[in-house]
Amino acid sequence: MDIKAKIEELVSKIKSDDGLMSKFKSDPIKTVEGLIGIDLPNEQVGKIVDGIKAKISLDDIGDKLGDIGGKIGGLFGKK
């Protein structure tokens, strides 16, 4: 299993489904196990969960920075 690719896949699924995002926030380990369809030891799933949380946070920061950049550009007549 390519962990990096699996994390990207799971991030995409979680971010595109509000219900899934809610489940992930309340019980990330169980949610990830359900998505991958494999019951792994919590330590292993925990590493995947940490990767997903980090990726979601980075994506959110990037989105916010893009919004801020657009607003600043708008102040100077640029979009």
N, C-alpha and C. Protein backbone atom coordinates (compact mmCIF):
# COMPACT_ATOMS: atom_id res chain seq x y z
N MET A 1 0.85 -1.18 0.00
CA MET A 1 0.00 0.00 0.00
C MET A 1 0.90 1.24 0.00
N ASP A 2 0.69 2.13 -0.98
CA ASP A 2 1.40 3.40 -1.04
C ASP A 2 0.70 4.36 -0.08
N ILE A 3 1.30 4.59 1.07
CA ILE A 3 0.67 5.37 2.14
C ILE A 3 0.37 6.80 1.68
N LYS A 4 1.33 7.42 1.00
CA LYS A 4 1.13 8.80 0.55
C LYS A 4 -0.06 8.90 -0.40
N ALA A 5 -0.15 7.97 -1.34
CA ALA A 5 -1.27 7.97 -2.28
C ALA A 5 -2.59 7.70 -1.56
N LYS A 6 -2.56 6.80 -0.60
CA LYS A 6 -3.77 6.47 0.16
C LYS A 6 -4.23 7.67 0.97
N ILE A 7 -3.29 8.40 1.58
CA ILE A 7 -3.64 9.61 2.34
C ILE A 7 -4.29 10.63 1.41
N GLU A 8 -3.71 10.84 0.24
CA GLU A 8 -4.28 11.79 -0.74
C GLU A 8 -5.70 11.37 -1.11
N GLU A 9 -5.90 10.10 -1.35
CA GLU A 9 -7.22 9.58 -1.72
C GLU A 9 -8.22 9.81 -0.59
N LEU A 10 -7.82 9.50 0.63
CA LEU A 10 -8.71 9.66 1.78
C LEU A 10 -9.02 11.12 2.05
N VAL A 11 -8.03 12.00 1.92
CA VAL A 11 -8.25 13.43 2.11
C VAL A 11 -9.31 13.92 1.12
N SER A 12 -9.18 13.50 -0.12
CA SER A 12 -10.13 13.90 -1.15
C SER A 12 -11.55 13.44 -0.80
N LYS A 13 -11.68 12.20 -0.37
CA LYS A 13 -12.99 11.67 0.00
C LYS A 13 -13.57 12.41 1.20
N ILE A 14 -12.75 12.63 2.21
CA ILE A 14 -13.21 13.26 3.45
C ILE A 14 -13.62 14.71 3.19
N LYS A 15 -12.79 15.44 2.44
CA LYS A 15 -13.09 16.85 2.20
C LYS A 15 -14.30 17.05 1.30
N SER A 16 -14.65 16.07 0.49
CA SER A 16 -15.76 16.23 -0.44
C SER A 16 -17.10 15.80 0.17
N ASP A 17 -17.09 15.29 1.39
CA ASP A 17 -18.32 14.78 2.02
C ASP A 17 -18.40 15.32 3.45
N ASP A 18 -19.34 16.25 3.68
CA ASP A 18 -19.47 16.87 5.00
C ASP A 18 -19.77 15.85 6.09
N GLY A 19 -20.59 14.85 5.78
CA GLY A 19 -20.91 13.81 6.76
C GLY A 19 -19.68 13.00 7.13
N LEU A 20 -18.89 12.70 6.14
CA LEU A 20 -17.65 11.96 6.36
C LEU A 20 -16.66 12.81 7.17
N MET A 21 -16.60 14.10 6.86
CA MET A 21 -15.72 15.00 7.61
C MET A 21 -16.14 15.04 9.08
N SER A 22 -17.43 15.07 9.32
CA SER A 22 -17.94 15.07 10.70
C SER A 22 -17.56 13.78 11.43
N LYS A 23 -17.72 12.64 10.74
CA LYS A 23 -17.33 11.35 11.33
C LYS A 23 -15.83 11.32 11.61
N PHE A 24 -15.04 11.84 10.66
CA PHE A 24 -13.59 11.85 10.83
C PHE A 24 -13.20 12.70 12.04
N LYS A 25 -13.86 13.83 12.21
CA LYS A 25 -13.54 14.70 13.35
C LYS A 25 -13.90 14.05 14.68
N SER A 26 -14.99 13.28 14.71
CA SER A 26 -15.42 12.68 15.97
C SER A 26 -14.70 11.37 16.28
N ASP A 27 -14.38 10.58 15.26
CA ASP A 27 -13.69 9.30 15.48
C ASP A 27 -12.81 8.99 14.26
N PRO A 28 -11.66 9.65 14.17
CA PRO A 28 -10.83 9.51 12.96
C PRO A 28 -10.34 8.09 12.69
N ILE A 29 -9.97 7.36 13.72
CA ILE A 29 -9.43 6.00 13.51
C ILE A 29 -10.50 5.08 12.93
N LYS A 30 -11.68 5.09 13.52
CA LYS A 30 -12.76 4.23 13.03
C LYS A 30 -13.16 4.64 11.61
N THR A 31 -13.19 5.93 11.33
CA THR A 31 -13.56 6.42 10.01
C THR A 31 -12.56 5.95 8.96
N VAL A 32 -11.27 6.08 9.25
CA VAL A 32 -10.23 5.67 8.30
C VAL A 32 -10.28 4.16 8.09
N GLU A 33 -10.44 3.41 9.17
CA GLU A 33 -10.55 1.95 9.01
C GLU A 33 -11.72 1.59 8.11
N GLY A 34 -12.84 2.28 8.27
CA GLY A 34 -14.00 2.01 7.43
C GLY A 34 -13.74 2.35 5.97
N LEU A 35 -13.02 3.43 5.74
CA LEU A 35 -12.73 3.85 4.37
C LEU A 35 -11.74 2.93 3.66
N ILE A 36 -10.74 2.44 4.41
CA ILE A 36 -9.76 1.58 3.75
C ILE A 36 -10.19 0.12 3.76
N GLY A 37 -11.17 -0.20 4.58
CA GLY A 37 -11.70 -1.56 4.60
C GLY A 37 -10.79 -2.59 5.23
N ILE A 38 -9.83 -2.11 6.02
CA ILE A 38 -8.89 -3.01 6.68
C ILE A 38 -8.82 -2.64 8.15
N ASP A 39 -8.87 -3.63 9.02
CA ASP A 39 -8.74 -3.38 10.46
C ASP A 39 -7.27 -3.49 10.82
N LEU A 40 -6.62 -2.35 10.92
CA LEU A 40 -5.20 -2.29 11.26
C LEU A 40 -5.04 -1.94 12.73
N PRO A 41 -3.87 -2.22 13.30
CA PRO A 41 -3.62 -1.77 14.67
C PRO A 41 -3.73 -0.25 14.75
N ASN A 42 -4.24 0.25 15.86
CA ASN A 42 -4.47 1.68 16.03
C ASN A 42 -3.20 2.51 15.80
N GLU A 43 -2.04 1.96 16.12
CA GLU A 43 -0.79 2.70 15.92
C GLU A 43 -0.56 2.98 14.44
N GLN A 44 -0.85 2.00 13.61
CA GLN A 44 -0.66 2.17 12.17
C GLN A 44 -1.71 3.11 11.58
N VAL A 45 -2.95 2.93 11.99
CA VAL A 45 -4.01 3.81 11.51
C VAL A 45 -3.76 5.23 12.02
N GLY A 46 -3.23 5.35 13.22
CA GLY A 46 -2.93 6.66 13.80
C GLY A 46 -1.97 7.45 12.94
N LYS A 47 -1.00 6.79 12.34
CA LYS A 47 -0.05 7.47 11.46
C LYS A 47 -0.76 7.98 10.20
N ILE A 48 -1.67 7.20 9.68
CA ILE A 48 -2.44 7.63 8.51
C ILE A 48 -3.34 8.80 8.90
N VAL A 49 -3.99 8.71 10.05
CA VAL A 49 -4.85 9.78 10.54
C VAL A 49 -4.04 11.07 10.69
N ASP A 50 -2.85 10.97 11.25
CA ASP A 50 -1.99 12.15 11.41
C ASP A 50 -1.66 12.77 10.06
N GLY A 51 -1.39 11.94 9.07
CA GLY A 51 -1.10 12.42 7.73
C GLY A 51 -2.31 13.12 7.11
N ILE A 52 -3.48 12.56 7.32
CA ILE A 52 -4.71 13.16 6.79
C ILE A 52 -4.97 14.50 7.46
N LYS A 53 -4.85 14.55 8.78
CA LYS A 53 -5.06 15.81 9.51
C LYS A 53 -4.09 16.88 9.03
N ALA A 54 -2.84 16.52 8.84
CA ALA A 54 -1.84 17.48 8.39
C ALA A 54 -2.18 17.99 6.99
N LYS A 55 -2.58 17.09 6.10
CA LYS A 55 -2.91 17.48 4.73
C LYS A 55 -4.13 18.37 4.69
N ILE A 56 -5.15 18.04 5.47
CA ILE A 56 -6.36 18.86 5.51
C ILE A 56 -6.01 20.25 6.05
N SER A 57 -5.19 20.31 7.08
CA SER A 57 -4.79 21.60 7.65
C SER A 57 -4.00 22.43 6.64
N LEU A 58 -3.07 21.80 5.93
CA LEU A 58 -2.29 22.52 4.92
C LEU A 58 -3.18 23.01 3.79
N ASP A 59 -4.12 22.19 3.37
CA ASP A 59 -5.03 22.60 2.31
C ASP A 59 -5.88 23.79 2.76
N ASP A 60 -6.35 23.75 4.01
CA ASP A 60 -7.16 24.85 4.53
C ASP A 60 -6.34 26.13 4.61
N ILE A 61 -5.10 26.03 5.05
CA ILE A 61 -4.22 27.20 5.12
C ILE A 61 -3.99 27.76 3.71
N GLY A 62 -3.74 26.88 2.76
CA GLY A 62 -3.54 27.31 1.37
C GLY A 62 -4.76 28.02 0.81
N ASP A 63 -5.95 27.49 1.12
CA ASP A 63 -7.19 28.13 0.66
C ASP A 63 -7.33 29.52 1.27
N LYS A 64 -7.04 29.63 2.56
CA LYS A 64 -7.15 30.93 3.23
C LYS A 64 -6.14 31.92 2.68
N LEU A 65 -4.92 31.46 2.42
CA LEU A 65 -3.90 32.35 1.86
C LEU A 65 -4.30 32.81 0.47
N GLY A 66 -4.89 31.91 -0.31
CA GLY A 66 -5.37 32.29 -1.64
C GLY A 66 -6.46 33.34 -1.57
N ASP A 67 -7.38 33.19 -0.60
CA ASP A 67 -8.43 34.18 -0.41
C ASP A 67 -7.85 35.53 -0.02
N ILE A 68 -6.89 35.50 0.88
CA ILE A 68 -6.25 36.74 1.33
C ILE A 68 -5.50 37.40 0.18
N GLY A 69 -4.79 36.60 -0.60
CA GLY A 69 -4.06 37.13 -1.75
C GLY A 69 -4.99 37.80 -2.74
N GLY A 70 -6.15 37.19 -2.98
CA GLY A 70 -7.12 37.76 -3.89
C GLY A 70 -7.67 39.08 -3.38
N LYS A 71 -7.90 39.15 -2.08
CA LYS A 71 -8.41 40.39 -1.49
C LYS A 71 -7.37 41.50 -1.54
N ILE A 72 -6.12 41.14 -1.27
CA ILE A 72 -5.04 42.14 -1.33
C ILE A 72 -4.87 42.62 -2.76
N GLY A 73 -4.89 41.68 -3.69
CA GLY A 73 -4.78 42.06 -5.10
C GLY A 73 -5.92 42.97 -5.53
N GLY A 74 -7.11 42.72 -4.99
CA GLY A 74 -8.27 43.57 -5.29
C GLY A 74 -8.08 45.00 -4.82
N LEU A 75 -7.35 45.18 -3.74
CA LEU A 75 -7.07 46.53 -3.24
C LEU A 75 -6.25 47.33 -4.23
N PHE A 76 -5.43 46.64 -5.01
CA PHE A 76 -4.55 47.31 -5.96
C PHE A 76 -5.05 47.16 -7.40
N GLY A 77 -6.30 46.77 -7.55
CA GLY A 77 -6.88 46.65 -8.88
C GLY A 77 -6.46 45.41 -9.63
N LYS A 78 -5.91 44.43 -8.93
CA LYS A 78 -5.48 43.18 -9.56
C LYS A 78 -6.34 42.04 -9.03
N LYS A 79 -6.58 41.09 -9.87
CA LYS A 79 -7.36 39.92 -9.44
C LYS A 79 -6.65 38.66 -9.82
